[in-house]
Amino acid sequence: MTRVAIVVLNWNGIEDTISCLEALSKQNFDDFVMVAVENGSTDTSVREFKLLERKYGHKLKTLYNQTNLGFDGGVNTGIRWALKHDFDYIALLNNDAIPDRDWLSHLVKAAVANKSGITTGLLLHEDGKTIDSTGDYYSSWGMPFPRGRDIKTGQAPESGFVFGASGGASLYSVPLLRDVGIFDEAFFAYYEDVDISFRAQLAGYRVFYEKKAIAYHKQGATSGKMPGFTVYQTFKNIPLLYAKNVPFRLLLPIGLRLFVLYWLIFGNAVRKGAGWPALKGWLASVWYFWTSSLWQRFVIQRRKSVRTAYISSLIWHDLPPEQTGLRKLRKAISGK
């Protein structure tokens, strides 16, 4: 019997969390436990969780953090608990996401059938008309982006192996987490899912996208409460992702492109009045590079078990689709 722990993180979003847990409780799967992590909320979340514990009984385990540890620290609280309690898989689901009844069963079936270390599904926007994510890409410009975002649901790609999985609605095998480690808490939020997918690929694990595993996501429900948060985290985490994971032979070609793109995006942030959080993010990236990411790189690259050519085959060899400005500039310069 396959046992699954589903980790749901809550921070000042108890109404979304209640809806998420209600949908999870109706999953068409035999053996799972919902692991809710209360991440230092200042609203009525703690009181509400006491009621939810009585409602769901043994199907809900609630863990309480005294302060907000970010997405990474928060989900790691749930992951560490699950790793101690003999589960086969650990799923992550954003509290502002609603899964179909068969979401978990499709993820587990796909994981077993394809021997994937990480399995992700078709994550749609809240109205179900367009796609939020069918996994993640890492581009040759050093910038990750969600696969398939904003295309119509009817155009969703077929199931298959992908570079990375969205941390908002994915399934992780326990052997993978014990091997490559859990989420890097230096990231706090954003791109930590690309980081763990990159580490998994380097260590020889594969990531599979299952089209039938559908969930609906209310995008930005948490980060929208914190002005400048996304800008700061982006400018902090993009360099860390590159520094830790890009293989030696790809460091220079990706690094040169990333340098150009990073500072162009920085200039755009300044133009839009977000220069200060962007600058703080860059300074934080320098700090974390010297205090944690550099030594992590040595460990990750030493354990690399696949050829660099394989990693290159998984990378998106172009600008990310949303970089329309730089795409126009490149066309003007090259004439192509």
C-alpha atoms as a PDB file:
ATOM      1  CA  MET A   1       0.000   0.000   0.000  1.00  0.00           C
ATOM      2  CA  THR A   2       1.357   3.385  -1.055  1.00  0.00           C
ATOM      3  CA  ARG A   3       1.204   6.013   1.692  1.00  0.00           C
ATOM      4  CA  VAL A   4       1.216   9.730   0.886  1.00  0.00           C
ATOM      5  CA  ALA A   5       1.536  12.830   3.055  1.00  0.00           C
ATOM      6  CA  ILE A   6       0.082  15.985   1.456  1.00  0.00           C
ATOM      7  CA  VAL A   7       1.699  19.140   2.845  1.00  0.00           C
ATOM      8  CA  VAL A   8      -0.394  22.327   2.742  1.00  0.00           C
ATOM      9  CA  LEU A   9       1.160  25.567   3.974  1.00  0.00           C
ATOM     10  CA  ASN A  10      -0.967  28.299   5.551  1.00  0.00           C
ATOM     11  CA  TRP A  11       0.049  31.894   6.218  1.00  0.00           C
ATOM     12  CA  ASN A  12      -2.792  34.336   6.849  1.00  0.00           C
ATOM     13  CA  GLY A  13      -4.935  32.531   4.296  1.00  0.00           C
ATOM     14  CA  ILE A  14      -7.205  30.316   6.336  1.00  0.00           C
ATOM     15  CA  GLU A  15     -10.237  30.723   4.069  1.00  0.00           C
ATOM     16  CA  ASP A  16      -8.292  29.364   1.092  1.00  0.00           C
ATOM     17  CA  THR A  17      -6.808  26.632   3.274  1.00  0.00           C
ATOM     18  CA  ILE A  18     -10.251  25.489   4.457  1.00  0.00           C
ATOM     19  CA  SER A  19     -11.388  25.121   0.823  1.00  0.00           C
ATOM     20  CA  CYS A  20      -8.177  23.310  -0.122  1.00  0.00           C
ATOM     21  CA  LEU A  21      -8.450  20.810   2.749  1.00  0.00           C
ATOM     22  CA  GLU A  22     -12.104  20.174   1.974  1.00  0.00           C
ATOM     23  CA  ALA A  23     -11.202  19.236  -1.607  1.00  0.00           C
ATOM     24  CA  LEU A  24      -8.267  17.124  -0.466  1.00  0.00           C
ATOM     25  CA  SER A  25     -10.403  15.215   2.014  1.00  0.00           C
ATOM     26  CA  LYS A  26     -12.482  13.933  -0.930  1.00  0.00           C
ATOM     27  CA  GLN A  27      -9.539  12.521  -2.902  1.00  0.00           C
ATOM     28  CA  ASN A  28     -10.140   9.211  -4.620  1.00  0.00           C
ATOM     29  CA  PHE A  29      -7.099   7.595  -3.008  1.00  0.00           C
ATOM     30  CA  ASP A  30      -6.877   5.090  -0.193  1.00  0.00           C
ATOM     31  CA  ASP A  31      -4.025   6.035   2.113  1.00  0.00           C
ATOM     32  CA  PHE A  32      -3.060   9.664   2.660  1.00  0.00           C
ATOM     33  CA  VAL A  33      -2.734  12.192   5.472  1.00  0.00           C
ATOM     34  CA  MET A  34      -3.165  15.943   5.110  1.00  0.00           C
ATOM     35  CA  VAL A  35      -0.268  17.735   6.832  1.00  0.00           C
ATOM     36  CA  ALA A  36      -1.215  21.371   7.408  1.00  0.00           C
ATOM     37  CA  VAL A  37       1.612  23.687   8.427  1.00  0.00           C
ATOM     38  CA  GLU A  38       0.472  26.862  10.193  1.00  0.00           C
ATOM     39  CA  ASN A  39       3.319  29.232   9.357  1.00  0.00           C
ATOM     40  CA  GLY A  40       3.139  31.949  12.001  1.00  0.00           C
ATOM     41  CA  SER A  41      -0.126  33.563  10.911  1.00  0.00           C
ATOM     42  CA  THR A  42      -1.468  36.670  12.628  1.00  0.00           C
ATOM     43  CA  ASP A  43      -5.114  36.149  11.646  1.00  0.00           C
ATOM     44  CA  THR A  44      -7.595  33.610  13.042  1.00  0.00           C
ATOM     45  CA  SER A  45      -5.794  30.622  11.511  1.00  0.00           C
ATOM     46  CA  VAL A  46      -4.721  28.957  14.764  1.00  0.00           C
ATOM     47  CA  ARG A  47      -8.254  29.009  16.146  1.00  0.00           C
ATOM     48  CA  GLU A  48      -9.677  27.673  12.891  1.00  0.00           C
ATOM     49  CA  PHE A  49      -7.176  24.821  12.775  1.00  0.00           C
ATOM     50  CA  LYS A  50      -8.374  23.582  16.150  1.00  0.00           C
ATOM     51  CA  LEU A  51     -11.841  23.236  14.620  1.00  0.00           C
ATOM     52  CA  LEU A  52     -10.446  21.560  11.502  1.00  0.00           C
ATOM     53  CA  GLU A  53      -8.565  19.009  13.611  1.00  0.00           C
ATOM     54  CA  ARG A  54     -11.823  17.963  15.236  1.00  0.00           C
ATOM     55  CA  LYS A  55     -13.544  17.827  11.840  1.00  0.00           C
ATOM     56  CA  TYR A  56     -10.991  15.646  10.045  1.00  0.00           C
ATOM     57  CA  GLY A  57      -9.583  13.645  12.950  1.00  0.00           C
ATOM     58  CA  HIS A  58      -6.663  11.359  12.050  1.00  0.00           C
ATOM     59  CA  LYS A  59      -6.772  12.495   8.394  1.00  0.00           C
ATOM     60  CA  LEU A  60      -5.317  15.882   9.375  1.00  0.00           C
ATOM     61  CA  LYS A  61      -2.035  16.516  11.151  1.00  0.00           C
ATOM     62  CA  THR A  62      -1.398  20.178  11.996  1.00  0.00           C
ATOM     63  CA  LEU A  63       2.077  21.531  12.698  1.00  0.00           C
ATOM     64  CA  TYR A  64       2.592  25.013  14.123  1.00  0.00           C
ATOM     65  CA  ASN A  65       5.510  27.329  13.365  1.00  0.00           C
ATOM     66  CA  GLN A  66       5.819  30.303  15.685  1.00  0.00           C
ATOM     67  CA  THR A  67       7.105  32.604  12.926  1.00  0.00           C
ATOM     68  CA  ASN A  68       6.773  32.834   9.155  1.00  0.00           C
ATOM     69  CA  LEU A  69       9.548  30.621   7.771  1.00  0.00           C
ATOM     70  CA  GLY A  70       8.634  31.324   4.158  1.00  0.00           C
ATOM     71  CA  PHE A  71       7.412  28.747   1.695  1.00  0.00           C
ATOM     72  CA  ASP A  72      10.588  26.692   1.962  1.00  0.00           C
ATOM     73  CA  GLY A  73      10.900  26.655   5.725  1.00  0.00           C
ATOM     74  CA  GLY A  74       7.183  26.087   6.062  1.00  0.00           C
ATOM     75  CA  VAL A  75       6.889  23.104   3.729  1.00  0.00           C
ATOM     76  CA  ASN A  76      10.137  21.698   5.111  1.00  0.00           C
ATOM     77  CA  THR A  77       8.422  21.539   8.505  1.00  0.00           C
ATOM     78  CA  GLY A  78       5.807  19.245   6.977  1.00  0.00           C
ATOM     79  CA  ILE A  79       8.341  17.287   4.921  1.00  0.00           C
ATOM     80  CA  ARG A  80      10.537  16.587   7.954  1.00  0.00           C
ATOM     81  CA  TRP A  81       7.512  15.298   9.875  1.00  0.00           C
ATOM     82  CA  ALA A  82       6.511  13.062   6.959  1.00  0.00           C
ATOM     83  CA  LEU A  83      10.040  11.683   6.531  1.00  0.00           C
ATOM     84  CA  LYS A  84       9.877  10.428  10.126  1.00  0.00           C
ATOM     85  CA  HIS A  85       6.569   8.620   9.630  1.00  0.00           C
ATOM     86  CA  ASP A  86       7.207   6.073   6.877  1.00  0.00           C
ATOM     87  CA  PHE A  87       5.405   7.629   3.908  1.00  0.00           C
ATOM     88  CA  ASP A  88       6.313   6.601   0.358  1.00  0.00           C
ATOM     89  CA  TYR A  89       5.585   9.966  -1.232  1.00  0.00           C
ATOM     90  CA  ILE A  90       5.160  13.547  -0.077  1.00  0.00           C
ATOM     91  CA  ALA A  91       2.900  15.848  -2.100  1.00  0.00           C
ATOM     92  CA  LEU A  92       2.885  19.621  -1.926  1.00  0.00           C
ATOM     93  CA  LEU A  93      -0.240  21.608  -2.676  1.00  0.00           C
ATOM     94  CA  ASN A  94      -0.634  25.369  -2.412  1.00  0.00           C
ATOM     95  CA  ASN A  95      -3.362  26.353   0.027  1.00  0.00           C
ATOM     96  CA  ASP A  96      -4.934  28.482  -2.732  1.00  0.00           C
ATOM     97  CA  ALA A  97      -5.233  25.482  -5.069  1.00  0.00           C
ATOM     98  CA  ILE A  98      -8.177  23.111  -5.475  1.00  0.00           C
ATOM     99  CA  PRO A  99      -7.445  19.592  -6.793  1.00  0.00           C
ATOM    100  CA  ASP A 100      -9.763  17.353  -8.765  1.00  0.00           C
ATOM    101  CA  ARG A 101     -10.911  14.214  -6.924  1.00  0.00           C
ATOM    102  CA  ASP A 102      -8.463  12.056  -8.905  1.00  0.00           C
ATOM    103  CA  TRP A 103      -5.507  14.448  -8.643  1.00  0.00           C
ATOM    104  CA  LEU A 104      -3.518  12.387  -6.157  1.00  0.00           C
ATOM    105  CA  SER A 105      -4.324   8.986  -7.641  1.00  0.00           C
ATOM    106  CA  HIS A 106      -3.162  10.138 -11.085  1.00  0.00           C
ATOM    107  CA  LEU A 107       0.073  11.534  -9.652  1.00  0.00           C
ATOM    108  CA  VAL A 108       0.855   8.312  -7.772  1.00  0.00           C
ATOM    109  CA  LYS A 109       0.027   6.072 -10.751  1.00  0.00           C
ATOM    110  CA  ALA A 110       2.249   8.172 -13.004  1.00  0.00           C
ATOM    111  CA  ALA A 111       5.089   8.194 -10.473  1.00  0.00           C
ATOM    112  CA  VAL A 112       5.026   4.417 -10.103  1.00  0.00           C
ATOM    113  CA  ALA A 113       4.620   3.706 -13.822  1.00  0.00           C
ATOM    114  CA  ASN A 114       7.408   6.084 -14.890  1.00  0.00           C
ATOM    115  CA  LYS A 115       9.724   5.624 -11.892  1.00  0.00           C
ATOM    116  CA  SER A 116       9.893   9.409 -11.560  1.00  0.00           C
ATOM    117  CA  GLY A 117      11.463  11.086  -8.567  1.00  0.00           C
ATOM    118  CA  ILE A 118       9.122  14.061  -8.946  1.00  0.00           C
ATOM    119  CA  THR A 119       5.714  14.032 -10.606  1.00  0.00           C
ATOM    120  CA  THR A 120       3.710  17.112 -11.458  1.00  0.00           C
ATOM    121  CA  GLY A 121       0.312  17.697 -13.011  1.00  0.00           C
ATOM    122  CA  LEU A 122      -1.775  20.092 -15.044  1.00  0.00           C
ATOM    123  CA  LEU A 123      -2.112  23.178 -12.855  1.00  0.00           C
ATOM    124  CA  LEU A 124      -4.784  25.483 -14.255  1.00  0.00           C
ATOM    125  CA  HIS A 125      -5.744  29.018 -13.371  1.00  0.00           C
ATOM    126  CA  GLU A 126      -8.721  29.399 -11.086  1.00  0.00           C
ATOM    127  CA  ASP A 127     -11.310  29.643 -13.880  1.00  0.00           C
ATOM    128  CA  GLY A 128      -9.944  26.547 -15.609  1.00  0.00           C
ATOM    129  CA  LYS A 129      -9.699  28.280 -18.987  1.00  0.00           C
ATOM    130  CA  THR A 130      -5.916  28.729 -19.147  1.00  0.00           C
ATOM    131  CA  ILE A 131      -2.818  27.008 -17.792  1.00  0.00           C
ATOM    132  CA  ASP A 132      -0.763  28.092 -14.816  1.00  0.00           C
ATOM    133  CA  SER A 133       1.889  25.399 -15.183  1.00  0.00           C
ATOM    134  CA  THR A 134       2.652  22.003 -16.704  1.00  0.00           C
ATOM    135  CA  GLY A 135       6.048  21.919 -15.030  1.00  0.00           C
ATOM    136  CA  ASP A 136       9.040  24.257 -15.166  1.00  0.00           C
ATOM    137  CA  TYR A 137      11.713  25.117 -17.709  1.00  0.00           C
ATOM    138  CA  TYR A 138      15.224  26.439 -17.121  1.00  0.00           C
ATOM    139  CA  SER A 139      16.376  28.604 -20.020  1.00  0.00           C
ATOM    140  CA  SER A 140      19.809  29.076 -21.577  1.00  0.00           C
ATOM    141  CA  TRP A 141      19.504  32.674 -20.336  1.00  0.00           C
ATOM    142  CA  GLY A 142      19.586  31.475 -16.717  1.00  0.00           C
ATOM    143  CA  MET A 143      15.953  32.345 -16.128  1.00  0.00           C
ATOM    144  CA  PRO A 144      13.353  29.701 -15.159  1.00  0.00           C
ATOM    145  CA  PHE A 145       9.735  29.977 -16.191  1.00  0.00           C
ATOM    146  CA  PRO A 146       6.518  27.937 -15.938  1.00  0.00           C
ATOM    147  CA  ARG A 147       5.896  25.581 -18.837  1.00  0.00           C
ATOM    148  CA  GLY A 148       2.734  26.320 -20.803  1.00  0.00           C
ATOM    149  CA  ARG A 149       1.612  29.357 -18.804  1.00  0.00           C
ATOM    150  CA  ASP A 150      -1.423  31.230 -20.138  1.00  0.00           C
ATOM    151  CA  ILE A 151      -2.088  28.942 -23.096  1.00  0.00           C
ATOM    152  CA  LYS A 152      -5.618  27.588 -23.408  1.00  0.00           C
ATOM    153  CA  THR A 153      -6.434  24.481 -21.406  1.00  0.00           C
ATOM    154  CA  GLY A 154      -7.465  22.621 -24.556  1.00  0.00           C
ATOM    155  CA  GLN A 155      -3.896  23.034 -25.846  1.00  0.00           C
ATOM    156  CA  ALA A 156      -2.272  21.417 -22.810  1.00  0.00           C
ATOM    157  CA  PRO A 157       0.676  19.202 -23.785  1.00  0.00           C
ATOM    158  CA  GLU A 158       0.474  15.447 -23.451  1.00  0.00           C
ATOM    159  CA  SER A 159       2.041  13.671 -20.489  1.00  0.00           C
ATOM    160  CA  GLY A 160       5.797  13.189 -20.554  1.00  0.00           C
ATOM    161  CA  PHE A 161       9.132  13.896 -18.925  1.00  0.00           C
ATOM    162  CA  VAL A 162       9.970  17.548 -18.223  1.00  0.00           C
ATOM    163  CA  PHE A 163      12.785  19.581 -16.672  1.00  0.00           C
ATOM    164  CA  GLY A 164      11.063  20.605 -13.452  1.00  0.00           C
ATOM    165  CA  ALA A 165       7.887  20.516 -11.381  1.00  0.00           C
ATOM    166  CA  SER A 166       5.851  23.252  -9.749  1.00  0.00           C
ATOM    167  CA  GLY A 167       6.083  23.172  -5.964  1.00  0.00           C
ATOM    168  CA  GLY A 168       2.475  24.318  -5.908  1.00  0.00           C
ATOM    169  CA  ALA A 169       1.033  20.926  -6.854  1.00  0.00           C
ATOM    170  CA  SER A 170       3.514  18.051  -7.174  1.00  0.00           C
ATOM    171  CA  LEU A 171       4.502  14.682  -5.741  1.00  0.00           C
ATOM    172  CA  TYR A 172       8.006  13.889  -4.441  1.00  0.00           C
ATOM    173  CA  SER A 173       9.327  10.409  -3.740  1.00  0.00           C
ATOM    174  CA  VAL A 174      10.779   9.910  -0.283  1.00  0.00           C
ATOM    175  CA  PRO A 175      13.982   8.268  -1.650  1.00  0.00           C
ATOM    176  CA  LEU A 176      14.618  11.387  -3.751  1.00  0.00           C
ATOM    177  CA  LEU A 177      14.174  13.738  -0.793  1.00  0.00           C
ATOM    178  CA  ARG A 178      16.471  11.623   1.371  1.00  0.00           C
ATOM    179  CA  ASP A 179      19.063  11.624  -1.388  1.00  0.00           C
ATOM    180  CA  VAL A 180      19.131  15.177  -2.817  1.00  0.00           C
ATOM    181  CA  GLY A 181      17.749  16.936   0.252  1.00  0.00           C
ATOM    182  CA  ILE A 182      14.682  19.036   0.922  1.00  0.00           C
ATOM    183  CA  PHE A 183      13.983  22.643  -0.090  1.00  0.00           C
ATOM    184  CA  ASP A 184      16.745  25.240   0.249  1.00  0.00           C
ATOM    185  CA  GLU A 185      15.527  27.685   2.890  1.00  0.00           C
ATOM    186  CA  ALA A 186      17.831  30.428   1.609  1.00  0.00           C
ATOM    187  CA  PHE A 187      15.335  30.827  -1.234  1.00  0.00           C
ATOM    188  CA  PHE A 188      12.468  31.499   1.237  1.00  0.00           C
ATOM    189  CA  ALA A 189       9.997  31.629  -1.680  1.00  0.00           C
ATOM    190  CA  TYR A 190      10.137  31.460  -5.496  1.00  0.00           C
ATOM    191  CA  TYR A 191      12.273  29.155  -7.661  1.00  0.00           C
ATOM    192  CA  GLU A 192      12.948  26.691  -4.847  1.00  0.00           C
ATOM    193  CA  ASP A 193      10.934  24.157  -6.868  1.00  0.00           C
ATOM    194  CA  VAL A 194      13.206  24.713  -9.886  1.00  0.00           C
ATOM    195  CA  ASP A 195      16.217  24.325  -7.584  1.00  0.00           C
ATOM    196  CA  ILE A 196      15.125  20.943  -6.205  1.00  0.00           C
ATOM    197  CA  SER A 197      14.158  19.770  -9.709  1.00  0.00           C
ATOM    198  CA  PHE A 198      17.603  20.806 -10.997  1.00  0.00           C
ATOM    199  CA  ARG A 199      19.286  18.950  -8.139  1.00  0.00           C
ATOM    200  CA  ALA A 200      17.149  15.897  -8.873  1.00  0.00           C
ATOM    201  CA  GLN A 201      18.060  15.903 -12.567  1.00  0.00           C
ATOM    202  CA  LEU A 202      21.763  16.252 -11.790  1.00  0.00           C
ATOM    203  CA  ALA A 203      21.542  13.280  -9.412  1.00  0.00           C
ATOM    204  CA  GLY A 204      19.903  11.089 -12.051  1.00  0.00           C
ATOM    205  CA  TYR A 205      16.235  11.353 -11.076  1.00  0.00           C
ATOM    206  CA  ARG A 206      13.578  12.253 -13.618  1.00  0.00           C
ATOM    207  CA  VAL A 207      10.562  14.559 -13.484  1.00  0.00           C
ATOM    208  CA  PHE A 208       7.281  13.515 -15.094  1.00  0.00           C
ATOM    209  CA  TYR A 209       4.260  15.623 -16.047  1.00  0.00           C
ATOM    210  CA  GLU A 210       0.878  13.867 -15.852  1.00  0.00           C
ATOM    211  CA  LYS A 211      -1.843  15.656 -17.816  1.00  0.00           C
ATOM    212  CA  LYS A 212      -4.686  13.894 -15.978  1.00  0.00           C
ATOM    213  CA  ALA A 213      -3.638  15.219 -12.540  1.00  0.00           C
ATOM    214  CA  ILE A 214      -5.555  18.497 -12.541  1.00  0.00           C
ATOM    215  CA  ALA A 215      -5.694  21.259  -9.924  1.00  0.00           C
ATOM    216  CA  TYR A 216      -6.895  24.879 -10.031  1.00  0.00           C
ATOM    217  CA  HIS A 217      -4.743  27.697  -8.666  1.00  0.00           C
ATOM    218  CA  LYS A 218      -5.668  31.172  -7.427  1.00  0.00           C
ATOM    219  CA  GLN A 219      -2.379  32.713  -8.516  1.00  0.00           C
ATOM    220  CA  GLY A 220      -0.665  35.222  -6.212  1.00  0.00           C
ATOM    221  CA  ALA A 221      -3.112  34.905  -3.314  1.00  0.00           C
ATOM    222  CA  THR A 222      -0.280  35.006  -0.759  1.00  0.00           C
ATOM    223  CA  SER A 223       2.512  37.026  -2.373  1.00  0.00           C
ATOM    224  CA  GLY A 224       0.061  39.729  -3.397  1.00  0.00           C
ATOM    225  CA  LYS A 225      -0.277  40.689   0.265  1.00  0.00           C
ATOM    226  CA  MET A 226       3.376  41.832   0.436  1.00  0.00           C
ATOM    227  CA  PRO A 227       4.441  44.754  -1.809  1.00  0.00           C
ATOM    228  CA  GLY A 228       7.934  44.282  -3.270  1.00  0.00           C
ATOM    229  CA  PHE A 229       8.139  40.690  -2.060  1.00  0.00           C
ATOM    230  CA  THR A 230       8.211  39.047  -5.486  1.00  0.00           C
ATOM    231  CA  VAL A 231      10.794  41.512  -6.828  1.00  0.00           C
ATOM    232  CA  TYR A 232      13.115  40.964  -3.856  1.00  0.00           C
ATOM    233  CA  GLN A 233      12.859  37.171  -4.000  1.00  0.00           C
ATOM    234  CA  THR A 234      13.388  37.096  -7.760  1.00  0.00           C
ATOM    235  CA  PHE A 235      16.580  39.142  -7.679  1.00  0.00           C
ATOM    236  CA  LYS A 236      17.876  37.112  -4.736  1.00  0.00           C
ATOM    237  CA  ASN A 237      17.070  33.643  -5.993  1.00  0.00           C
ATOM    238  CA  ILE A 238      17.889  33.722  -9.720  1.00  0.00           C
ATOM    239  CA  PRO A 239      21.669  34.025  -9.100  1.00  0.00           C
ATOM    240  CA  LEU A 240      21.550  31.334  -6.378  1.00  0.00           C
ATOM    241  CA  LEU A 241      19.783  28.908  -8.703  1.00  0.00           C
ATOM    242  CA  TYR A 242      22.473  29.461 -11.335  1.00  0.00           C
ATOM    243  CA  ALA A 243      25.406  29.302  -8.937  1.00  0.00           C
ATOM    244  CA  LYS A 244      24.345  26.043  -7.291  1.00  0.00           C
ATOM    245  CA  ASN A 245      23.201  23.962 -10.209  1.00  0.00           C
ATOM    246  CA  VAL A 246      24.524  24.896 -13.647  1.00  0.00           C
ATOM    247  CA  PRO A 247      27.215  22.373 -14.683  1.00  0.00           C
ATOM    248  CA  PHE A 248      30.729  23.664 -15.278  1.00  0.00           C
ATOM    249  CA  ARG A 249      30.632  23.417 -19.078  1.00  0.00           C
ATOM    250  CA  LEU A 250      27.459  25.533 -19.199  1.00  0.00           C
ATOM    251  CA  LEU A 251      28.545  28.147 -16.664  1.00  0.00           C
ATOM    252  CA  LEU A 252      30.026  30.604 -19.162  1.00  0.00           C
ATOM    253  CA  PRO A 253      27.408  30.523 -21.967  1.00  0.00           C
ATOM    254  CA  ILE A 254      24.493  30.687 -19.551  1.00  0.00           C
ATOM    255  CA  GLY A 255      26.270  33.115 -17.232  1.00  0.00           C
ATOM    256  CA  LEU A 256      26.973  35.678 -19.947  1.00  0.00           C
ATOM    257  CA  ARG A 257      23.349  35.692 -21.073  1.00  0.00           C
ATOM    258  CA  LEU A 258      22.104  35.801 -17.486  1.00  0.00           C
ATOM    259  CA  PHE A 259      24.321  38.808 -16.732  1.00  0.00           C
ATOM    260  CA  VAL A 260      22.737  40.751 -19.610  1.00  0.00           C
ATOM    261  CA  LEU A 261      19.171  39.688 -18.817  1.00  0.00           C
ATOM    262  CA  TYR A 262      19.488  40.177 -15.049  1.00  0.00           C
ATOM    263  CA  TRP A 263      20.653  43.768 -15.276  1.00  0.00           C
ATOM    264  CA  LEU A 264      18.169  44.648 -17.990  1.00  0.00           C
ATOM    265  CA  ILE A 265      15.397  43.367 -15.739  1.00  0.00           C
ATOM    266  CA  PHE A 266      16.980  45.303 -12.864  1.00  0.00           C
ATOM    267  CA  GLY A 267      16.809  48.491 -14.915  1.00  0.00           C
ATOM    268  CA  ASN A 268      13.181  47.788 -15.686  1.00  0.00           C
ATOM    269  CA  ALA A 269      12.476  47.321 -11.971  1.00  0.00           C
ATOM    270  CA  VAL A 270      14.056  50.717 -11.250  1.00  0.00           C
ATOM    271  CA  ARG A 271      11.965  52.299 -13.989  1.00  0.00           C
ATOM    272  CA  LYS A 272       8.796  50.902 -12.394  1.00  0.00           C
ATOM    273  CA  GLY A 273       9.689  52.129  -8.903  1.00  0.00           C
ATOM    274  CA  ALA A 274      10.856  48.745  -7.559  1.00  0.00           C
ATOM    275  CA  GLY A 275      14.571  49.508  -7.563  1.00  0.00           C
ATOM    276  CA  TRP A 276      15.013  49.229  -3.793  1.00  0.00           C
ATOM    277  CA  PRO A 277      13.631  45.671  -3.374  1.00  0.00           C
ATOM    278  CA  ALA A 278      15.584  44.654  -6.505  1.00  0.00           C
ATOM    279  CA  LEU A 279      18.823  46.056  -5.038  1.00  0.00           C
ATOM    280  CA  LYS A 280      18.176  44.367  -1.697  1.00  0.00           C
ATOM    281  CA  GLY A 281      17.568  41.104  -3.531  1.00  0.00           C
ATOM    282  CA  TRP A 282      20.874  41.357  -5.384  1.00  0.00           C
ATOM    283  CA  LEU A 283      22.762  42.159  -2.175  1.00  0.00           C
ATOM    284  CA  ALA A 284      21.104  39.205  -0.455  1.00  0.00           C
ATOM    285  CA  SER A 285      22.144  36.945  -3.346  1.00  0.00           C
ATOM    286  CA  VAL A 286      25.782  37.969  -2.806  1.00  0.00           C
ATOM    287  CA  TRP A 287      25.484  37.186   0.896  1.00  0.00           C
ATOM    288  CA  TYR A 288      23.903  33.772   0.389  1.00  0.00           C
ATOM    289  CA  PHE A 289      26.356  32.887  -2.383  1.00  0.00           C
ATOM    290  CA  TRP A 290      29.336  33.217  -0.035  1.00  0.00           C
ATOM    291  CA  THR A 291      27.635  31.827   3.074  1.00  0.00           C
ATOM    292  CA  SER A 292      25.787  28.800   1.640  1.00  0.00           C
ATOM    293  CA  SER A 293      25.357  28.416  -2.113  1.00  0.00           C
ATOM    294  CA  LEU A 294      29.047  28.113  -3.011  1.00  0.00           C
ATOM    295  CA  TRP A 295      29.682  25.116  -0.757  1.00  0.00           C
ATOM    296  CA  GLN A 296      26.361  23.608  -1.788  1.00  0.00           C
ATOM    297  CA  ARG A 297      27.549  23.819  -5.396  1.00  0.00           C
ATOM    298  CA  PHE A 298      30.609  21.724  -4.581  1.00  0.00           C
ATOM    299  CA  VAL A 299      28.411  19.026  -3.048  1.00  0.00           C
ATOM    300  CA  ILE A 300      25.807  19.054  -5.846  1.00  0.00           C
ATOM    301  CA  GLN A 301      28.314  18.982  -8.703  1.00  0.00           C
ATOM    302  CA  ARG A 302      30.458  16.312  -7.051  1.00  0.00           C
ATOM    303  CA  ARG A 303      27.386  14.054  -6.846  1.00  0.00           C
ATOM    304  CA  LYS A 304      26.368  14.757 -10.457  1.00  0.00           C
ATOM    305  CA  SER A 305      25.641  11.412 -12.147  1.00  0.00           C
ATOM    306  CA  VAL A 306      24.437  12.482 -15.607  1.00  0.00           C
ATOM    307  CA  ARG A 307      26.239  13.953 -18.590  1.00  0.00           C
ATOM    308  CA  THR A 308      26.131  17.693 -19.119  1.00  0.00           C
ATOM    309  CA  ALA A 309      24.780  17.029 -22.607  1.00  0.00           C
ATOM    310  CA  TYR A 310      21.707  15.457 -21.008  1.00  0.00           C
ATOM    311  CA  ILE A 311      21.113  18.539 -18.840  1.00  0.00           C
ATOM    312  CA  SER A 312      21.573  20.738 -21.917  1.00  0.00           C
ATOM    313  CA  SER A 313      18.933  18.691 -23.740  1.00  0.00           C
ATOM    314  CA  LEU A 314      16.405  19.562 -21.018  1.00  0.00           C
ATOM    315  CA  ILE A 315      17.093  23.299 -21.104  1.00  0.00           C
ATOM    316  CA  TRP A 316      14.982  25.775 -23.088  1.00  0.00           C
ATOM    317  CA  HIS A 317      17.510  27.172 -25.591  1.00  0.00           C
ATOM    318  CA  ASP A 318      15.977  30.587 -26.068  1.00  0.00           C
ATOM    319  CA  LEU A 319      14.735  33.563 -24.103  1.00  0.00           C
ATOM    320  CA  PRO A 320      11.811  32.875 -21.765  1.00  0.00           C
ATOM    321  CA  PRO A 321       8.531  33.641 -23.586  1.00  0.00           C
ATOM    322  CA  GLU A 322       7.686  36.620 -21.370  1.00  0.00           C
ATOM    323  CA  GLN A 323      10.914  38.455 -22.279  1.00  0.00           C
ATOM    324  CA  THR A 324       9.316  40.263 -25.211  1.00  0.00           C
ATOM    325  CA  GLY A 325      11.358  43.444 -24.786  1.00  0.00           C
ATOM    326  CA  LEU A 326      14.739  41.731 -25.024  1.00  0.00           C
ATOM    327  CA  ARG A 327      13.429  39.565 -27.863  1.00  0.00           C
ATOM    328  CA  LYS A 328      12.585  42.731 -29.849  1.00  0.00           C
ATOM    329  CA  LEU A 329      16.012  44.218 -29.048  1.00  0.00           C
ATOM    330  CA  ARG A 330      17.760  41.047 -30.189  1.00  0.00           C
ATOM    331  CA  LYS A 331      15.762  41.043 -33.417  1.00  0.00           C
ATOM    332  CA  ALA A 332      16.647  44.689 -34.066  1.00  0.00           C
ATOM    333  CA  ILE A 333      20.360  44.014 -33.569  1.00  0.00           C
ATOM    334  CA  SER A 334      20.538  40.719 -35.433  1.00  0.00           C
ATOM    335  CA  GLY A 335      17.901  41.398 -38.058  1.00  0.00           C
ATOM    336  CA  LYS A 336      16.360  37.986 -37.320  1.00  0.00           C
END
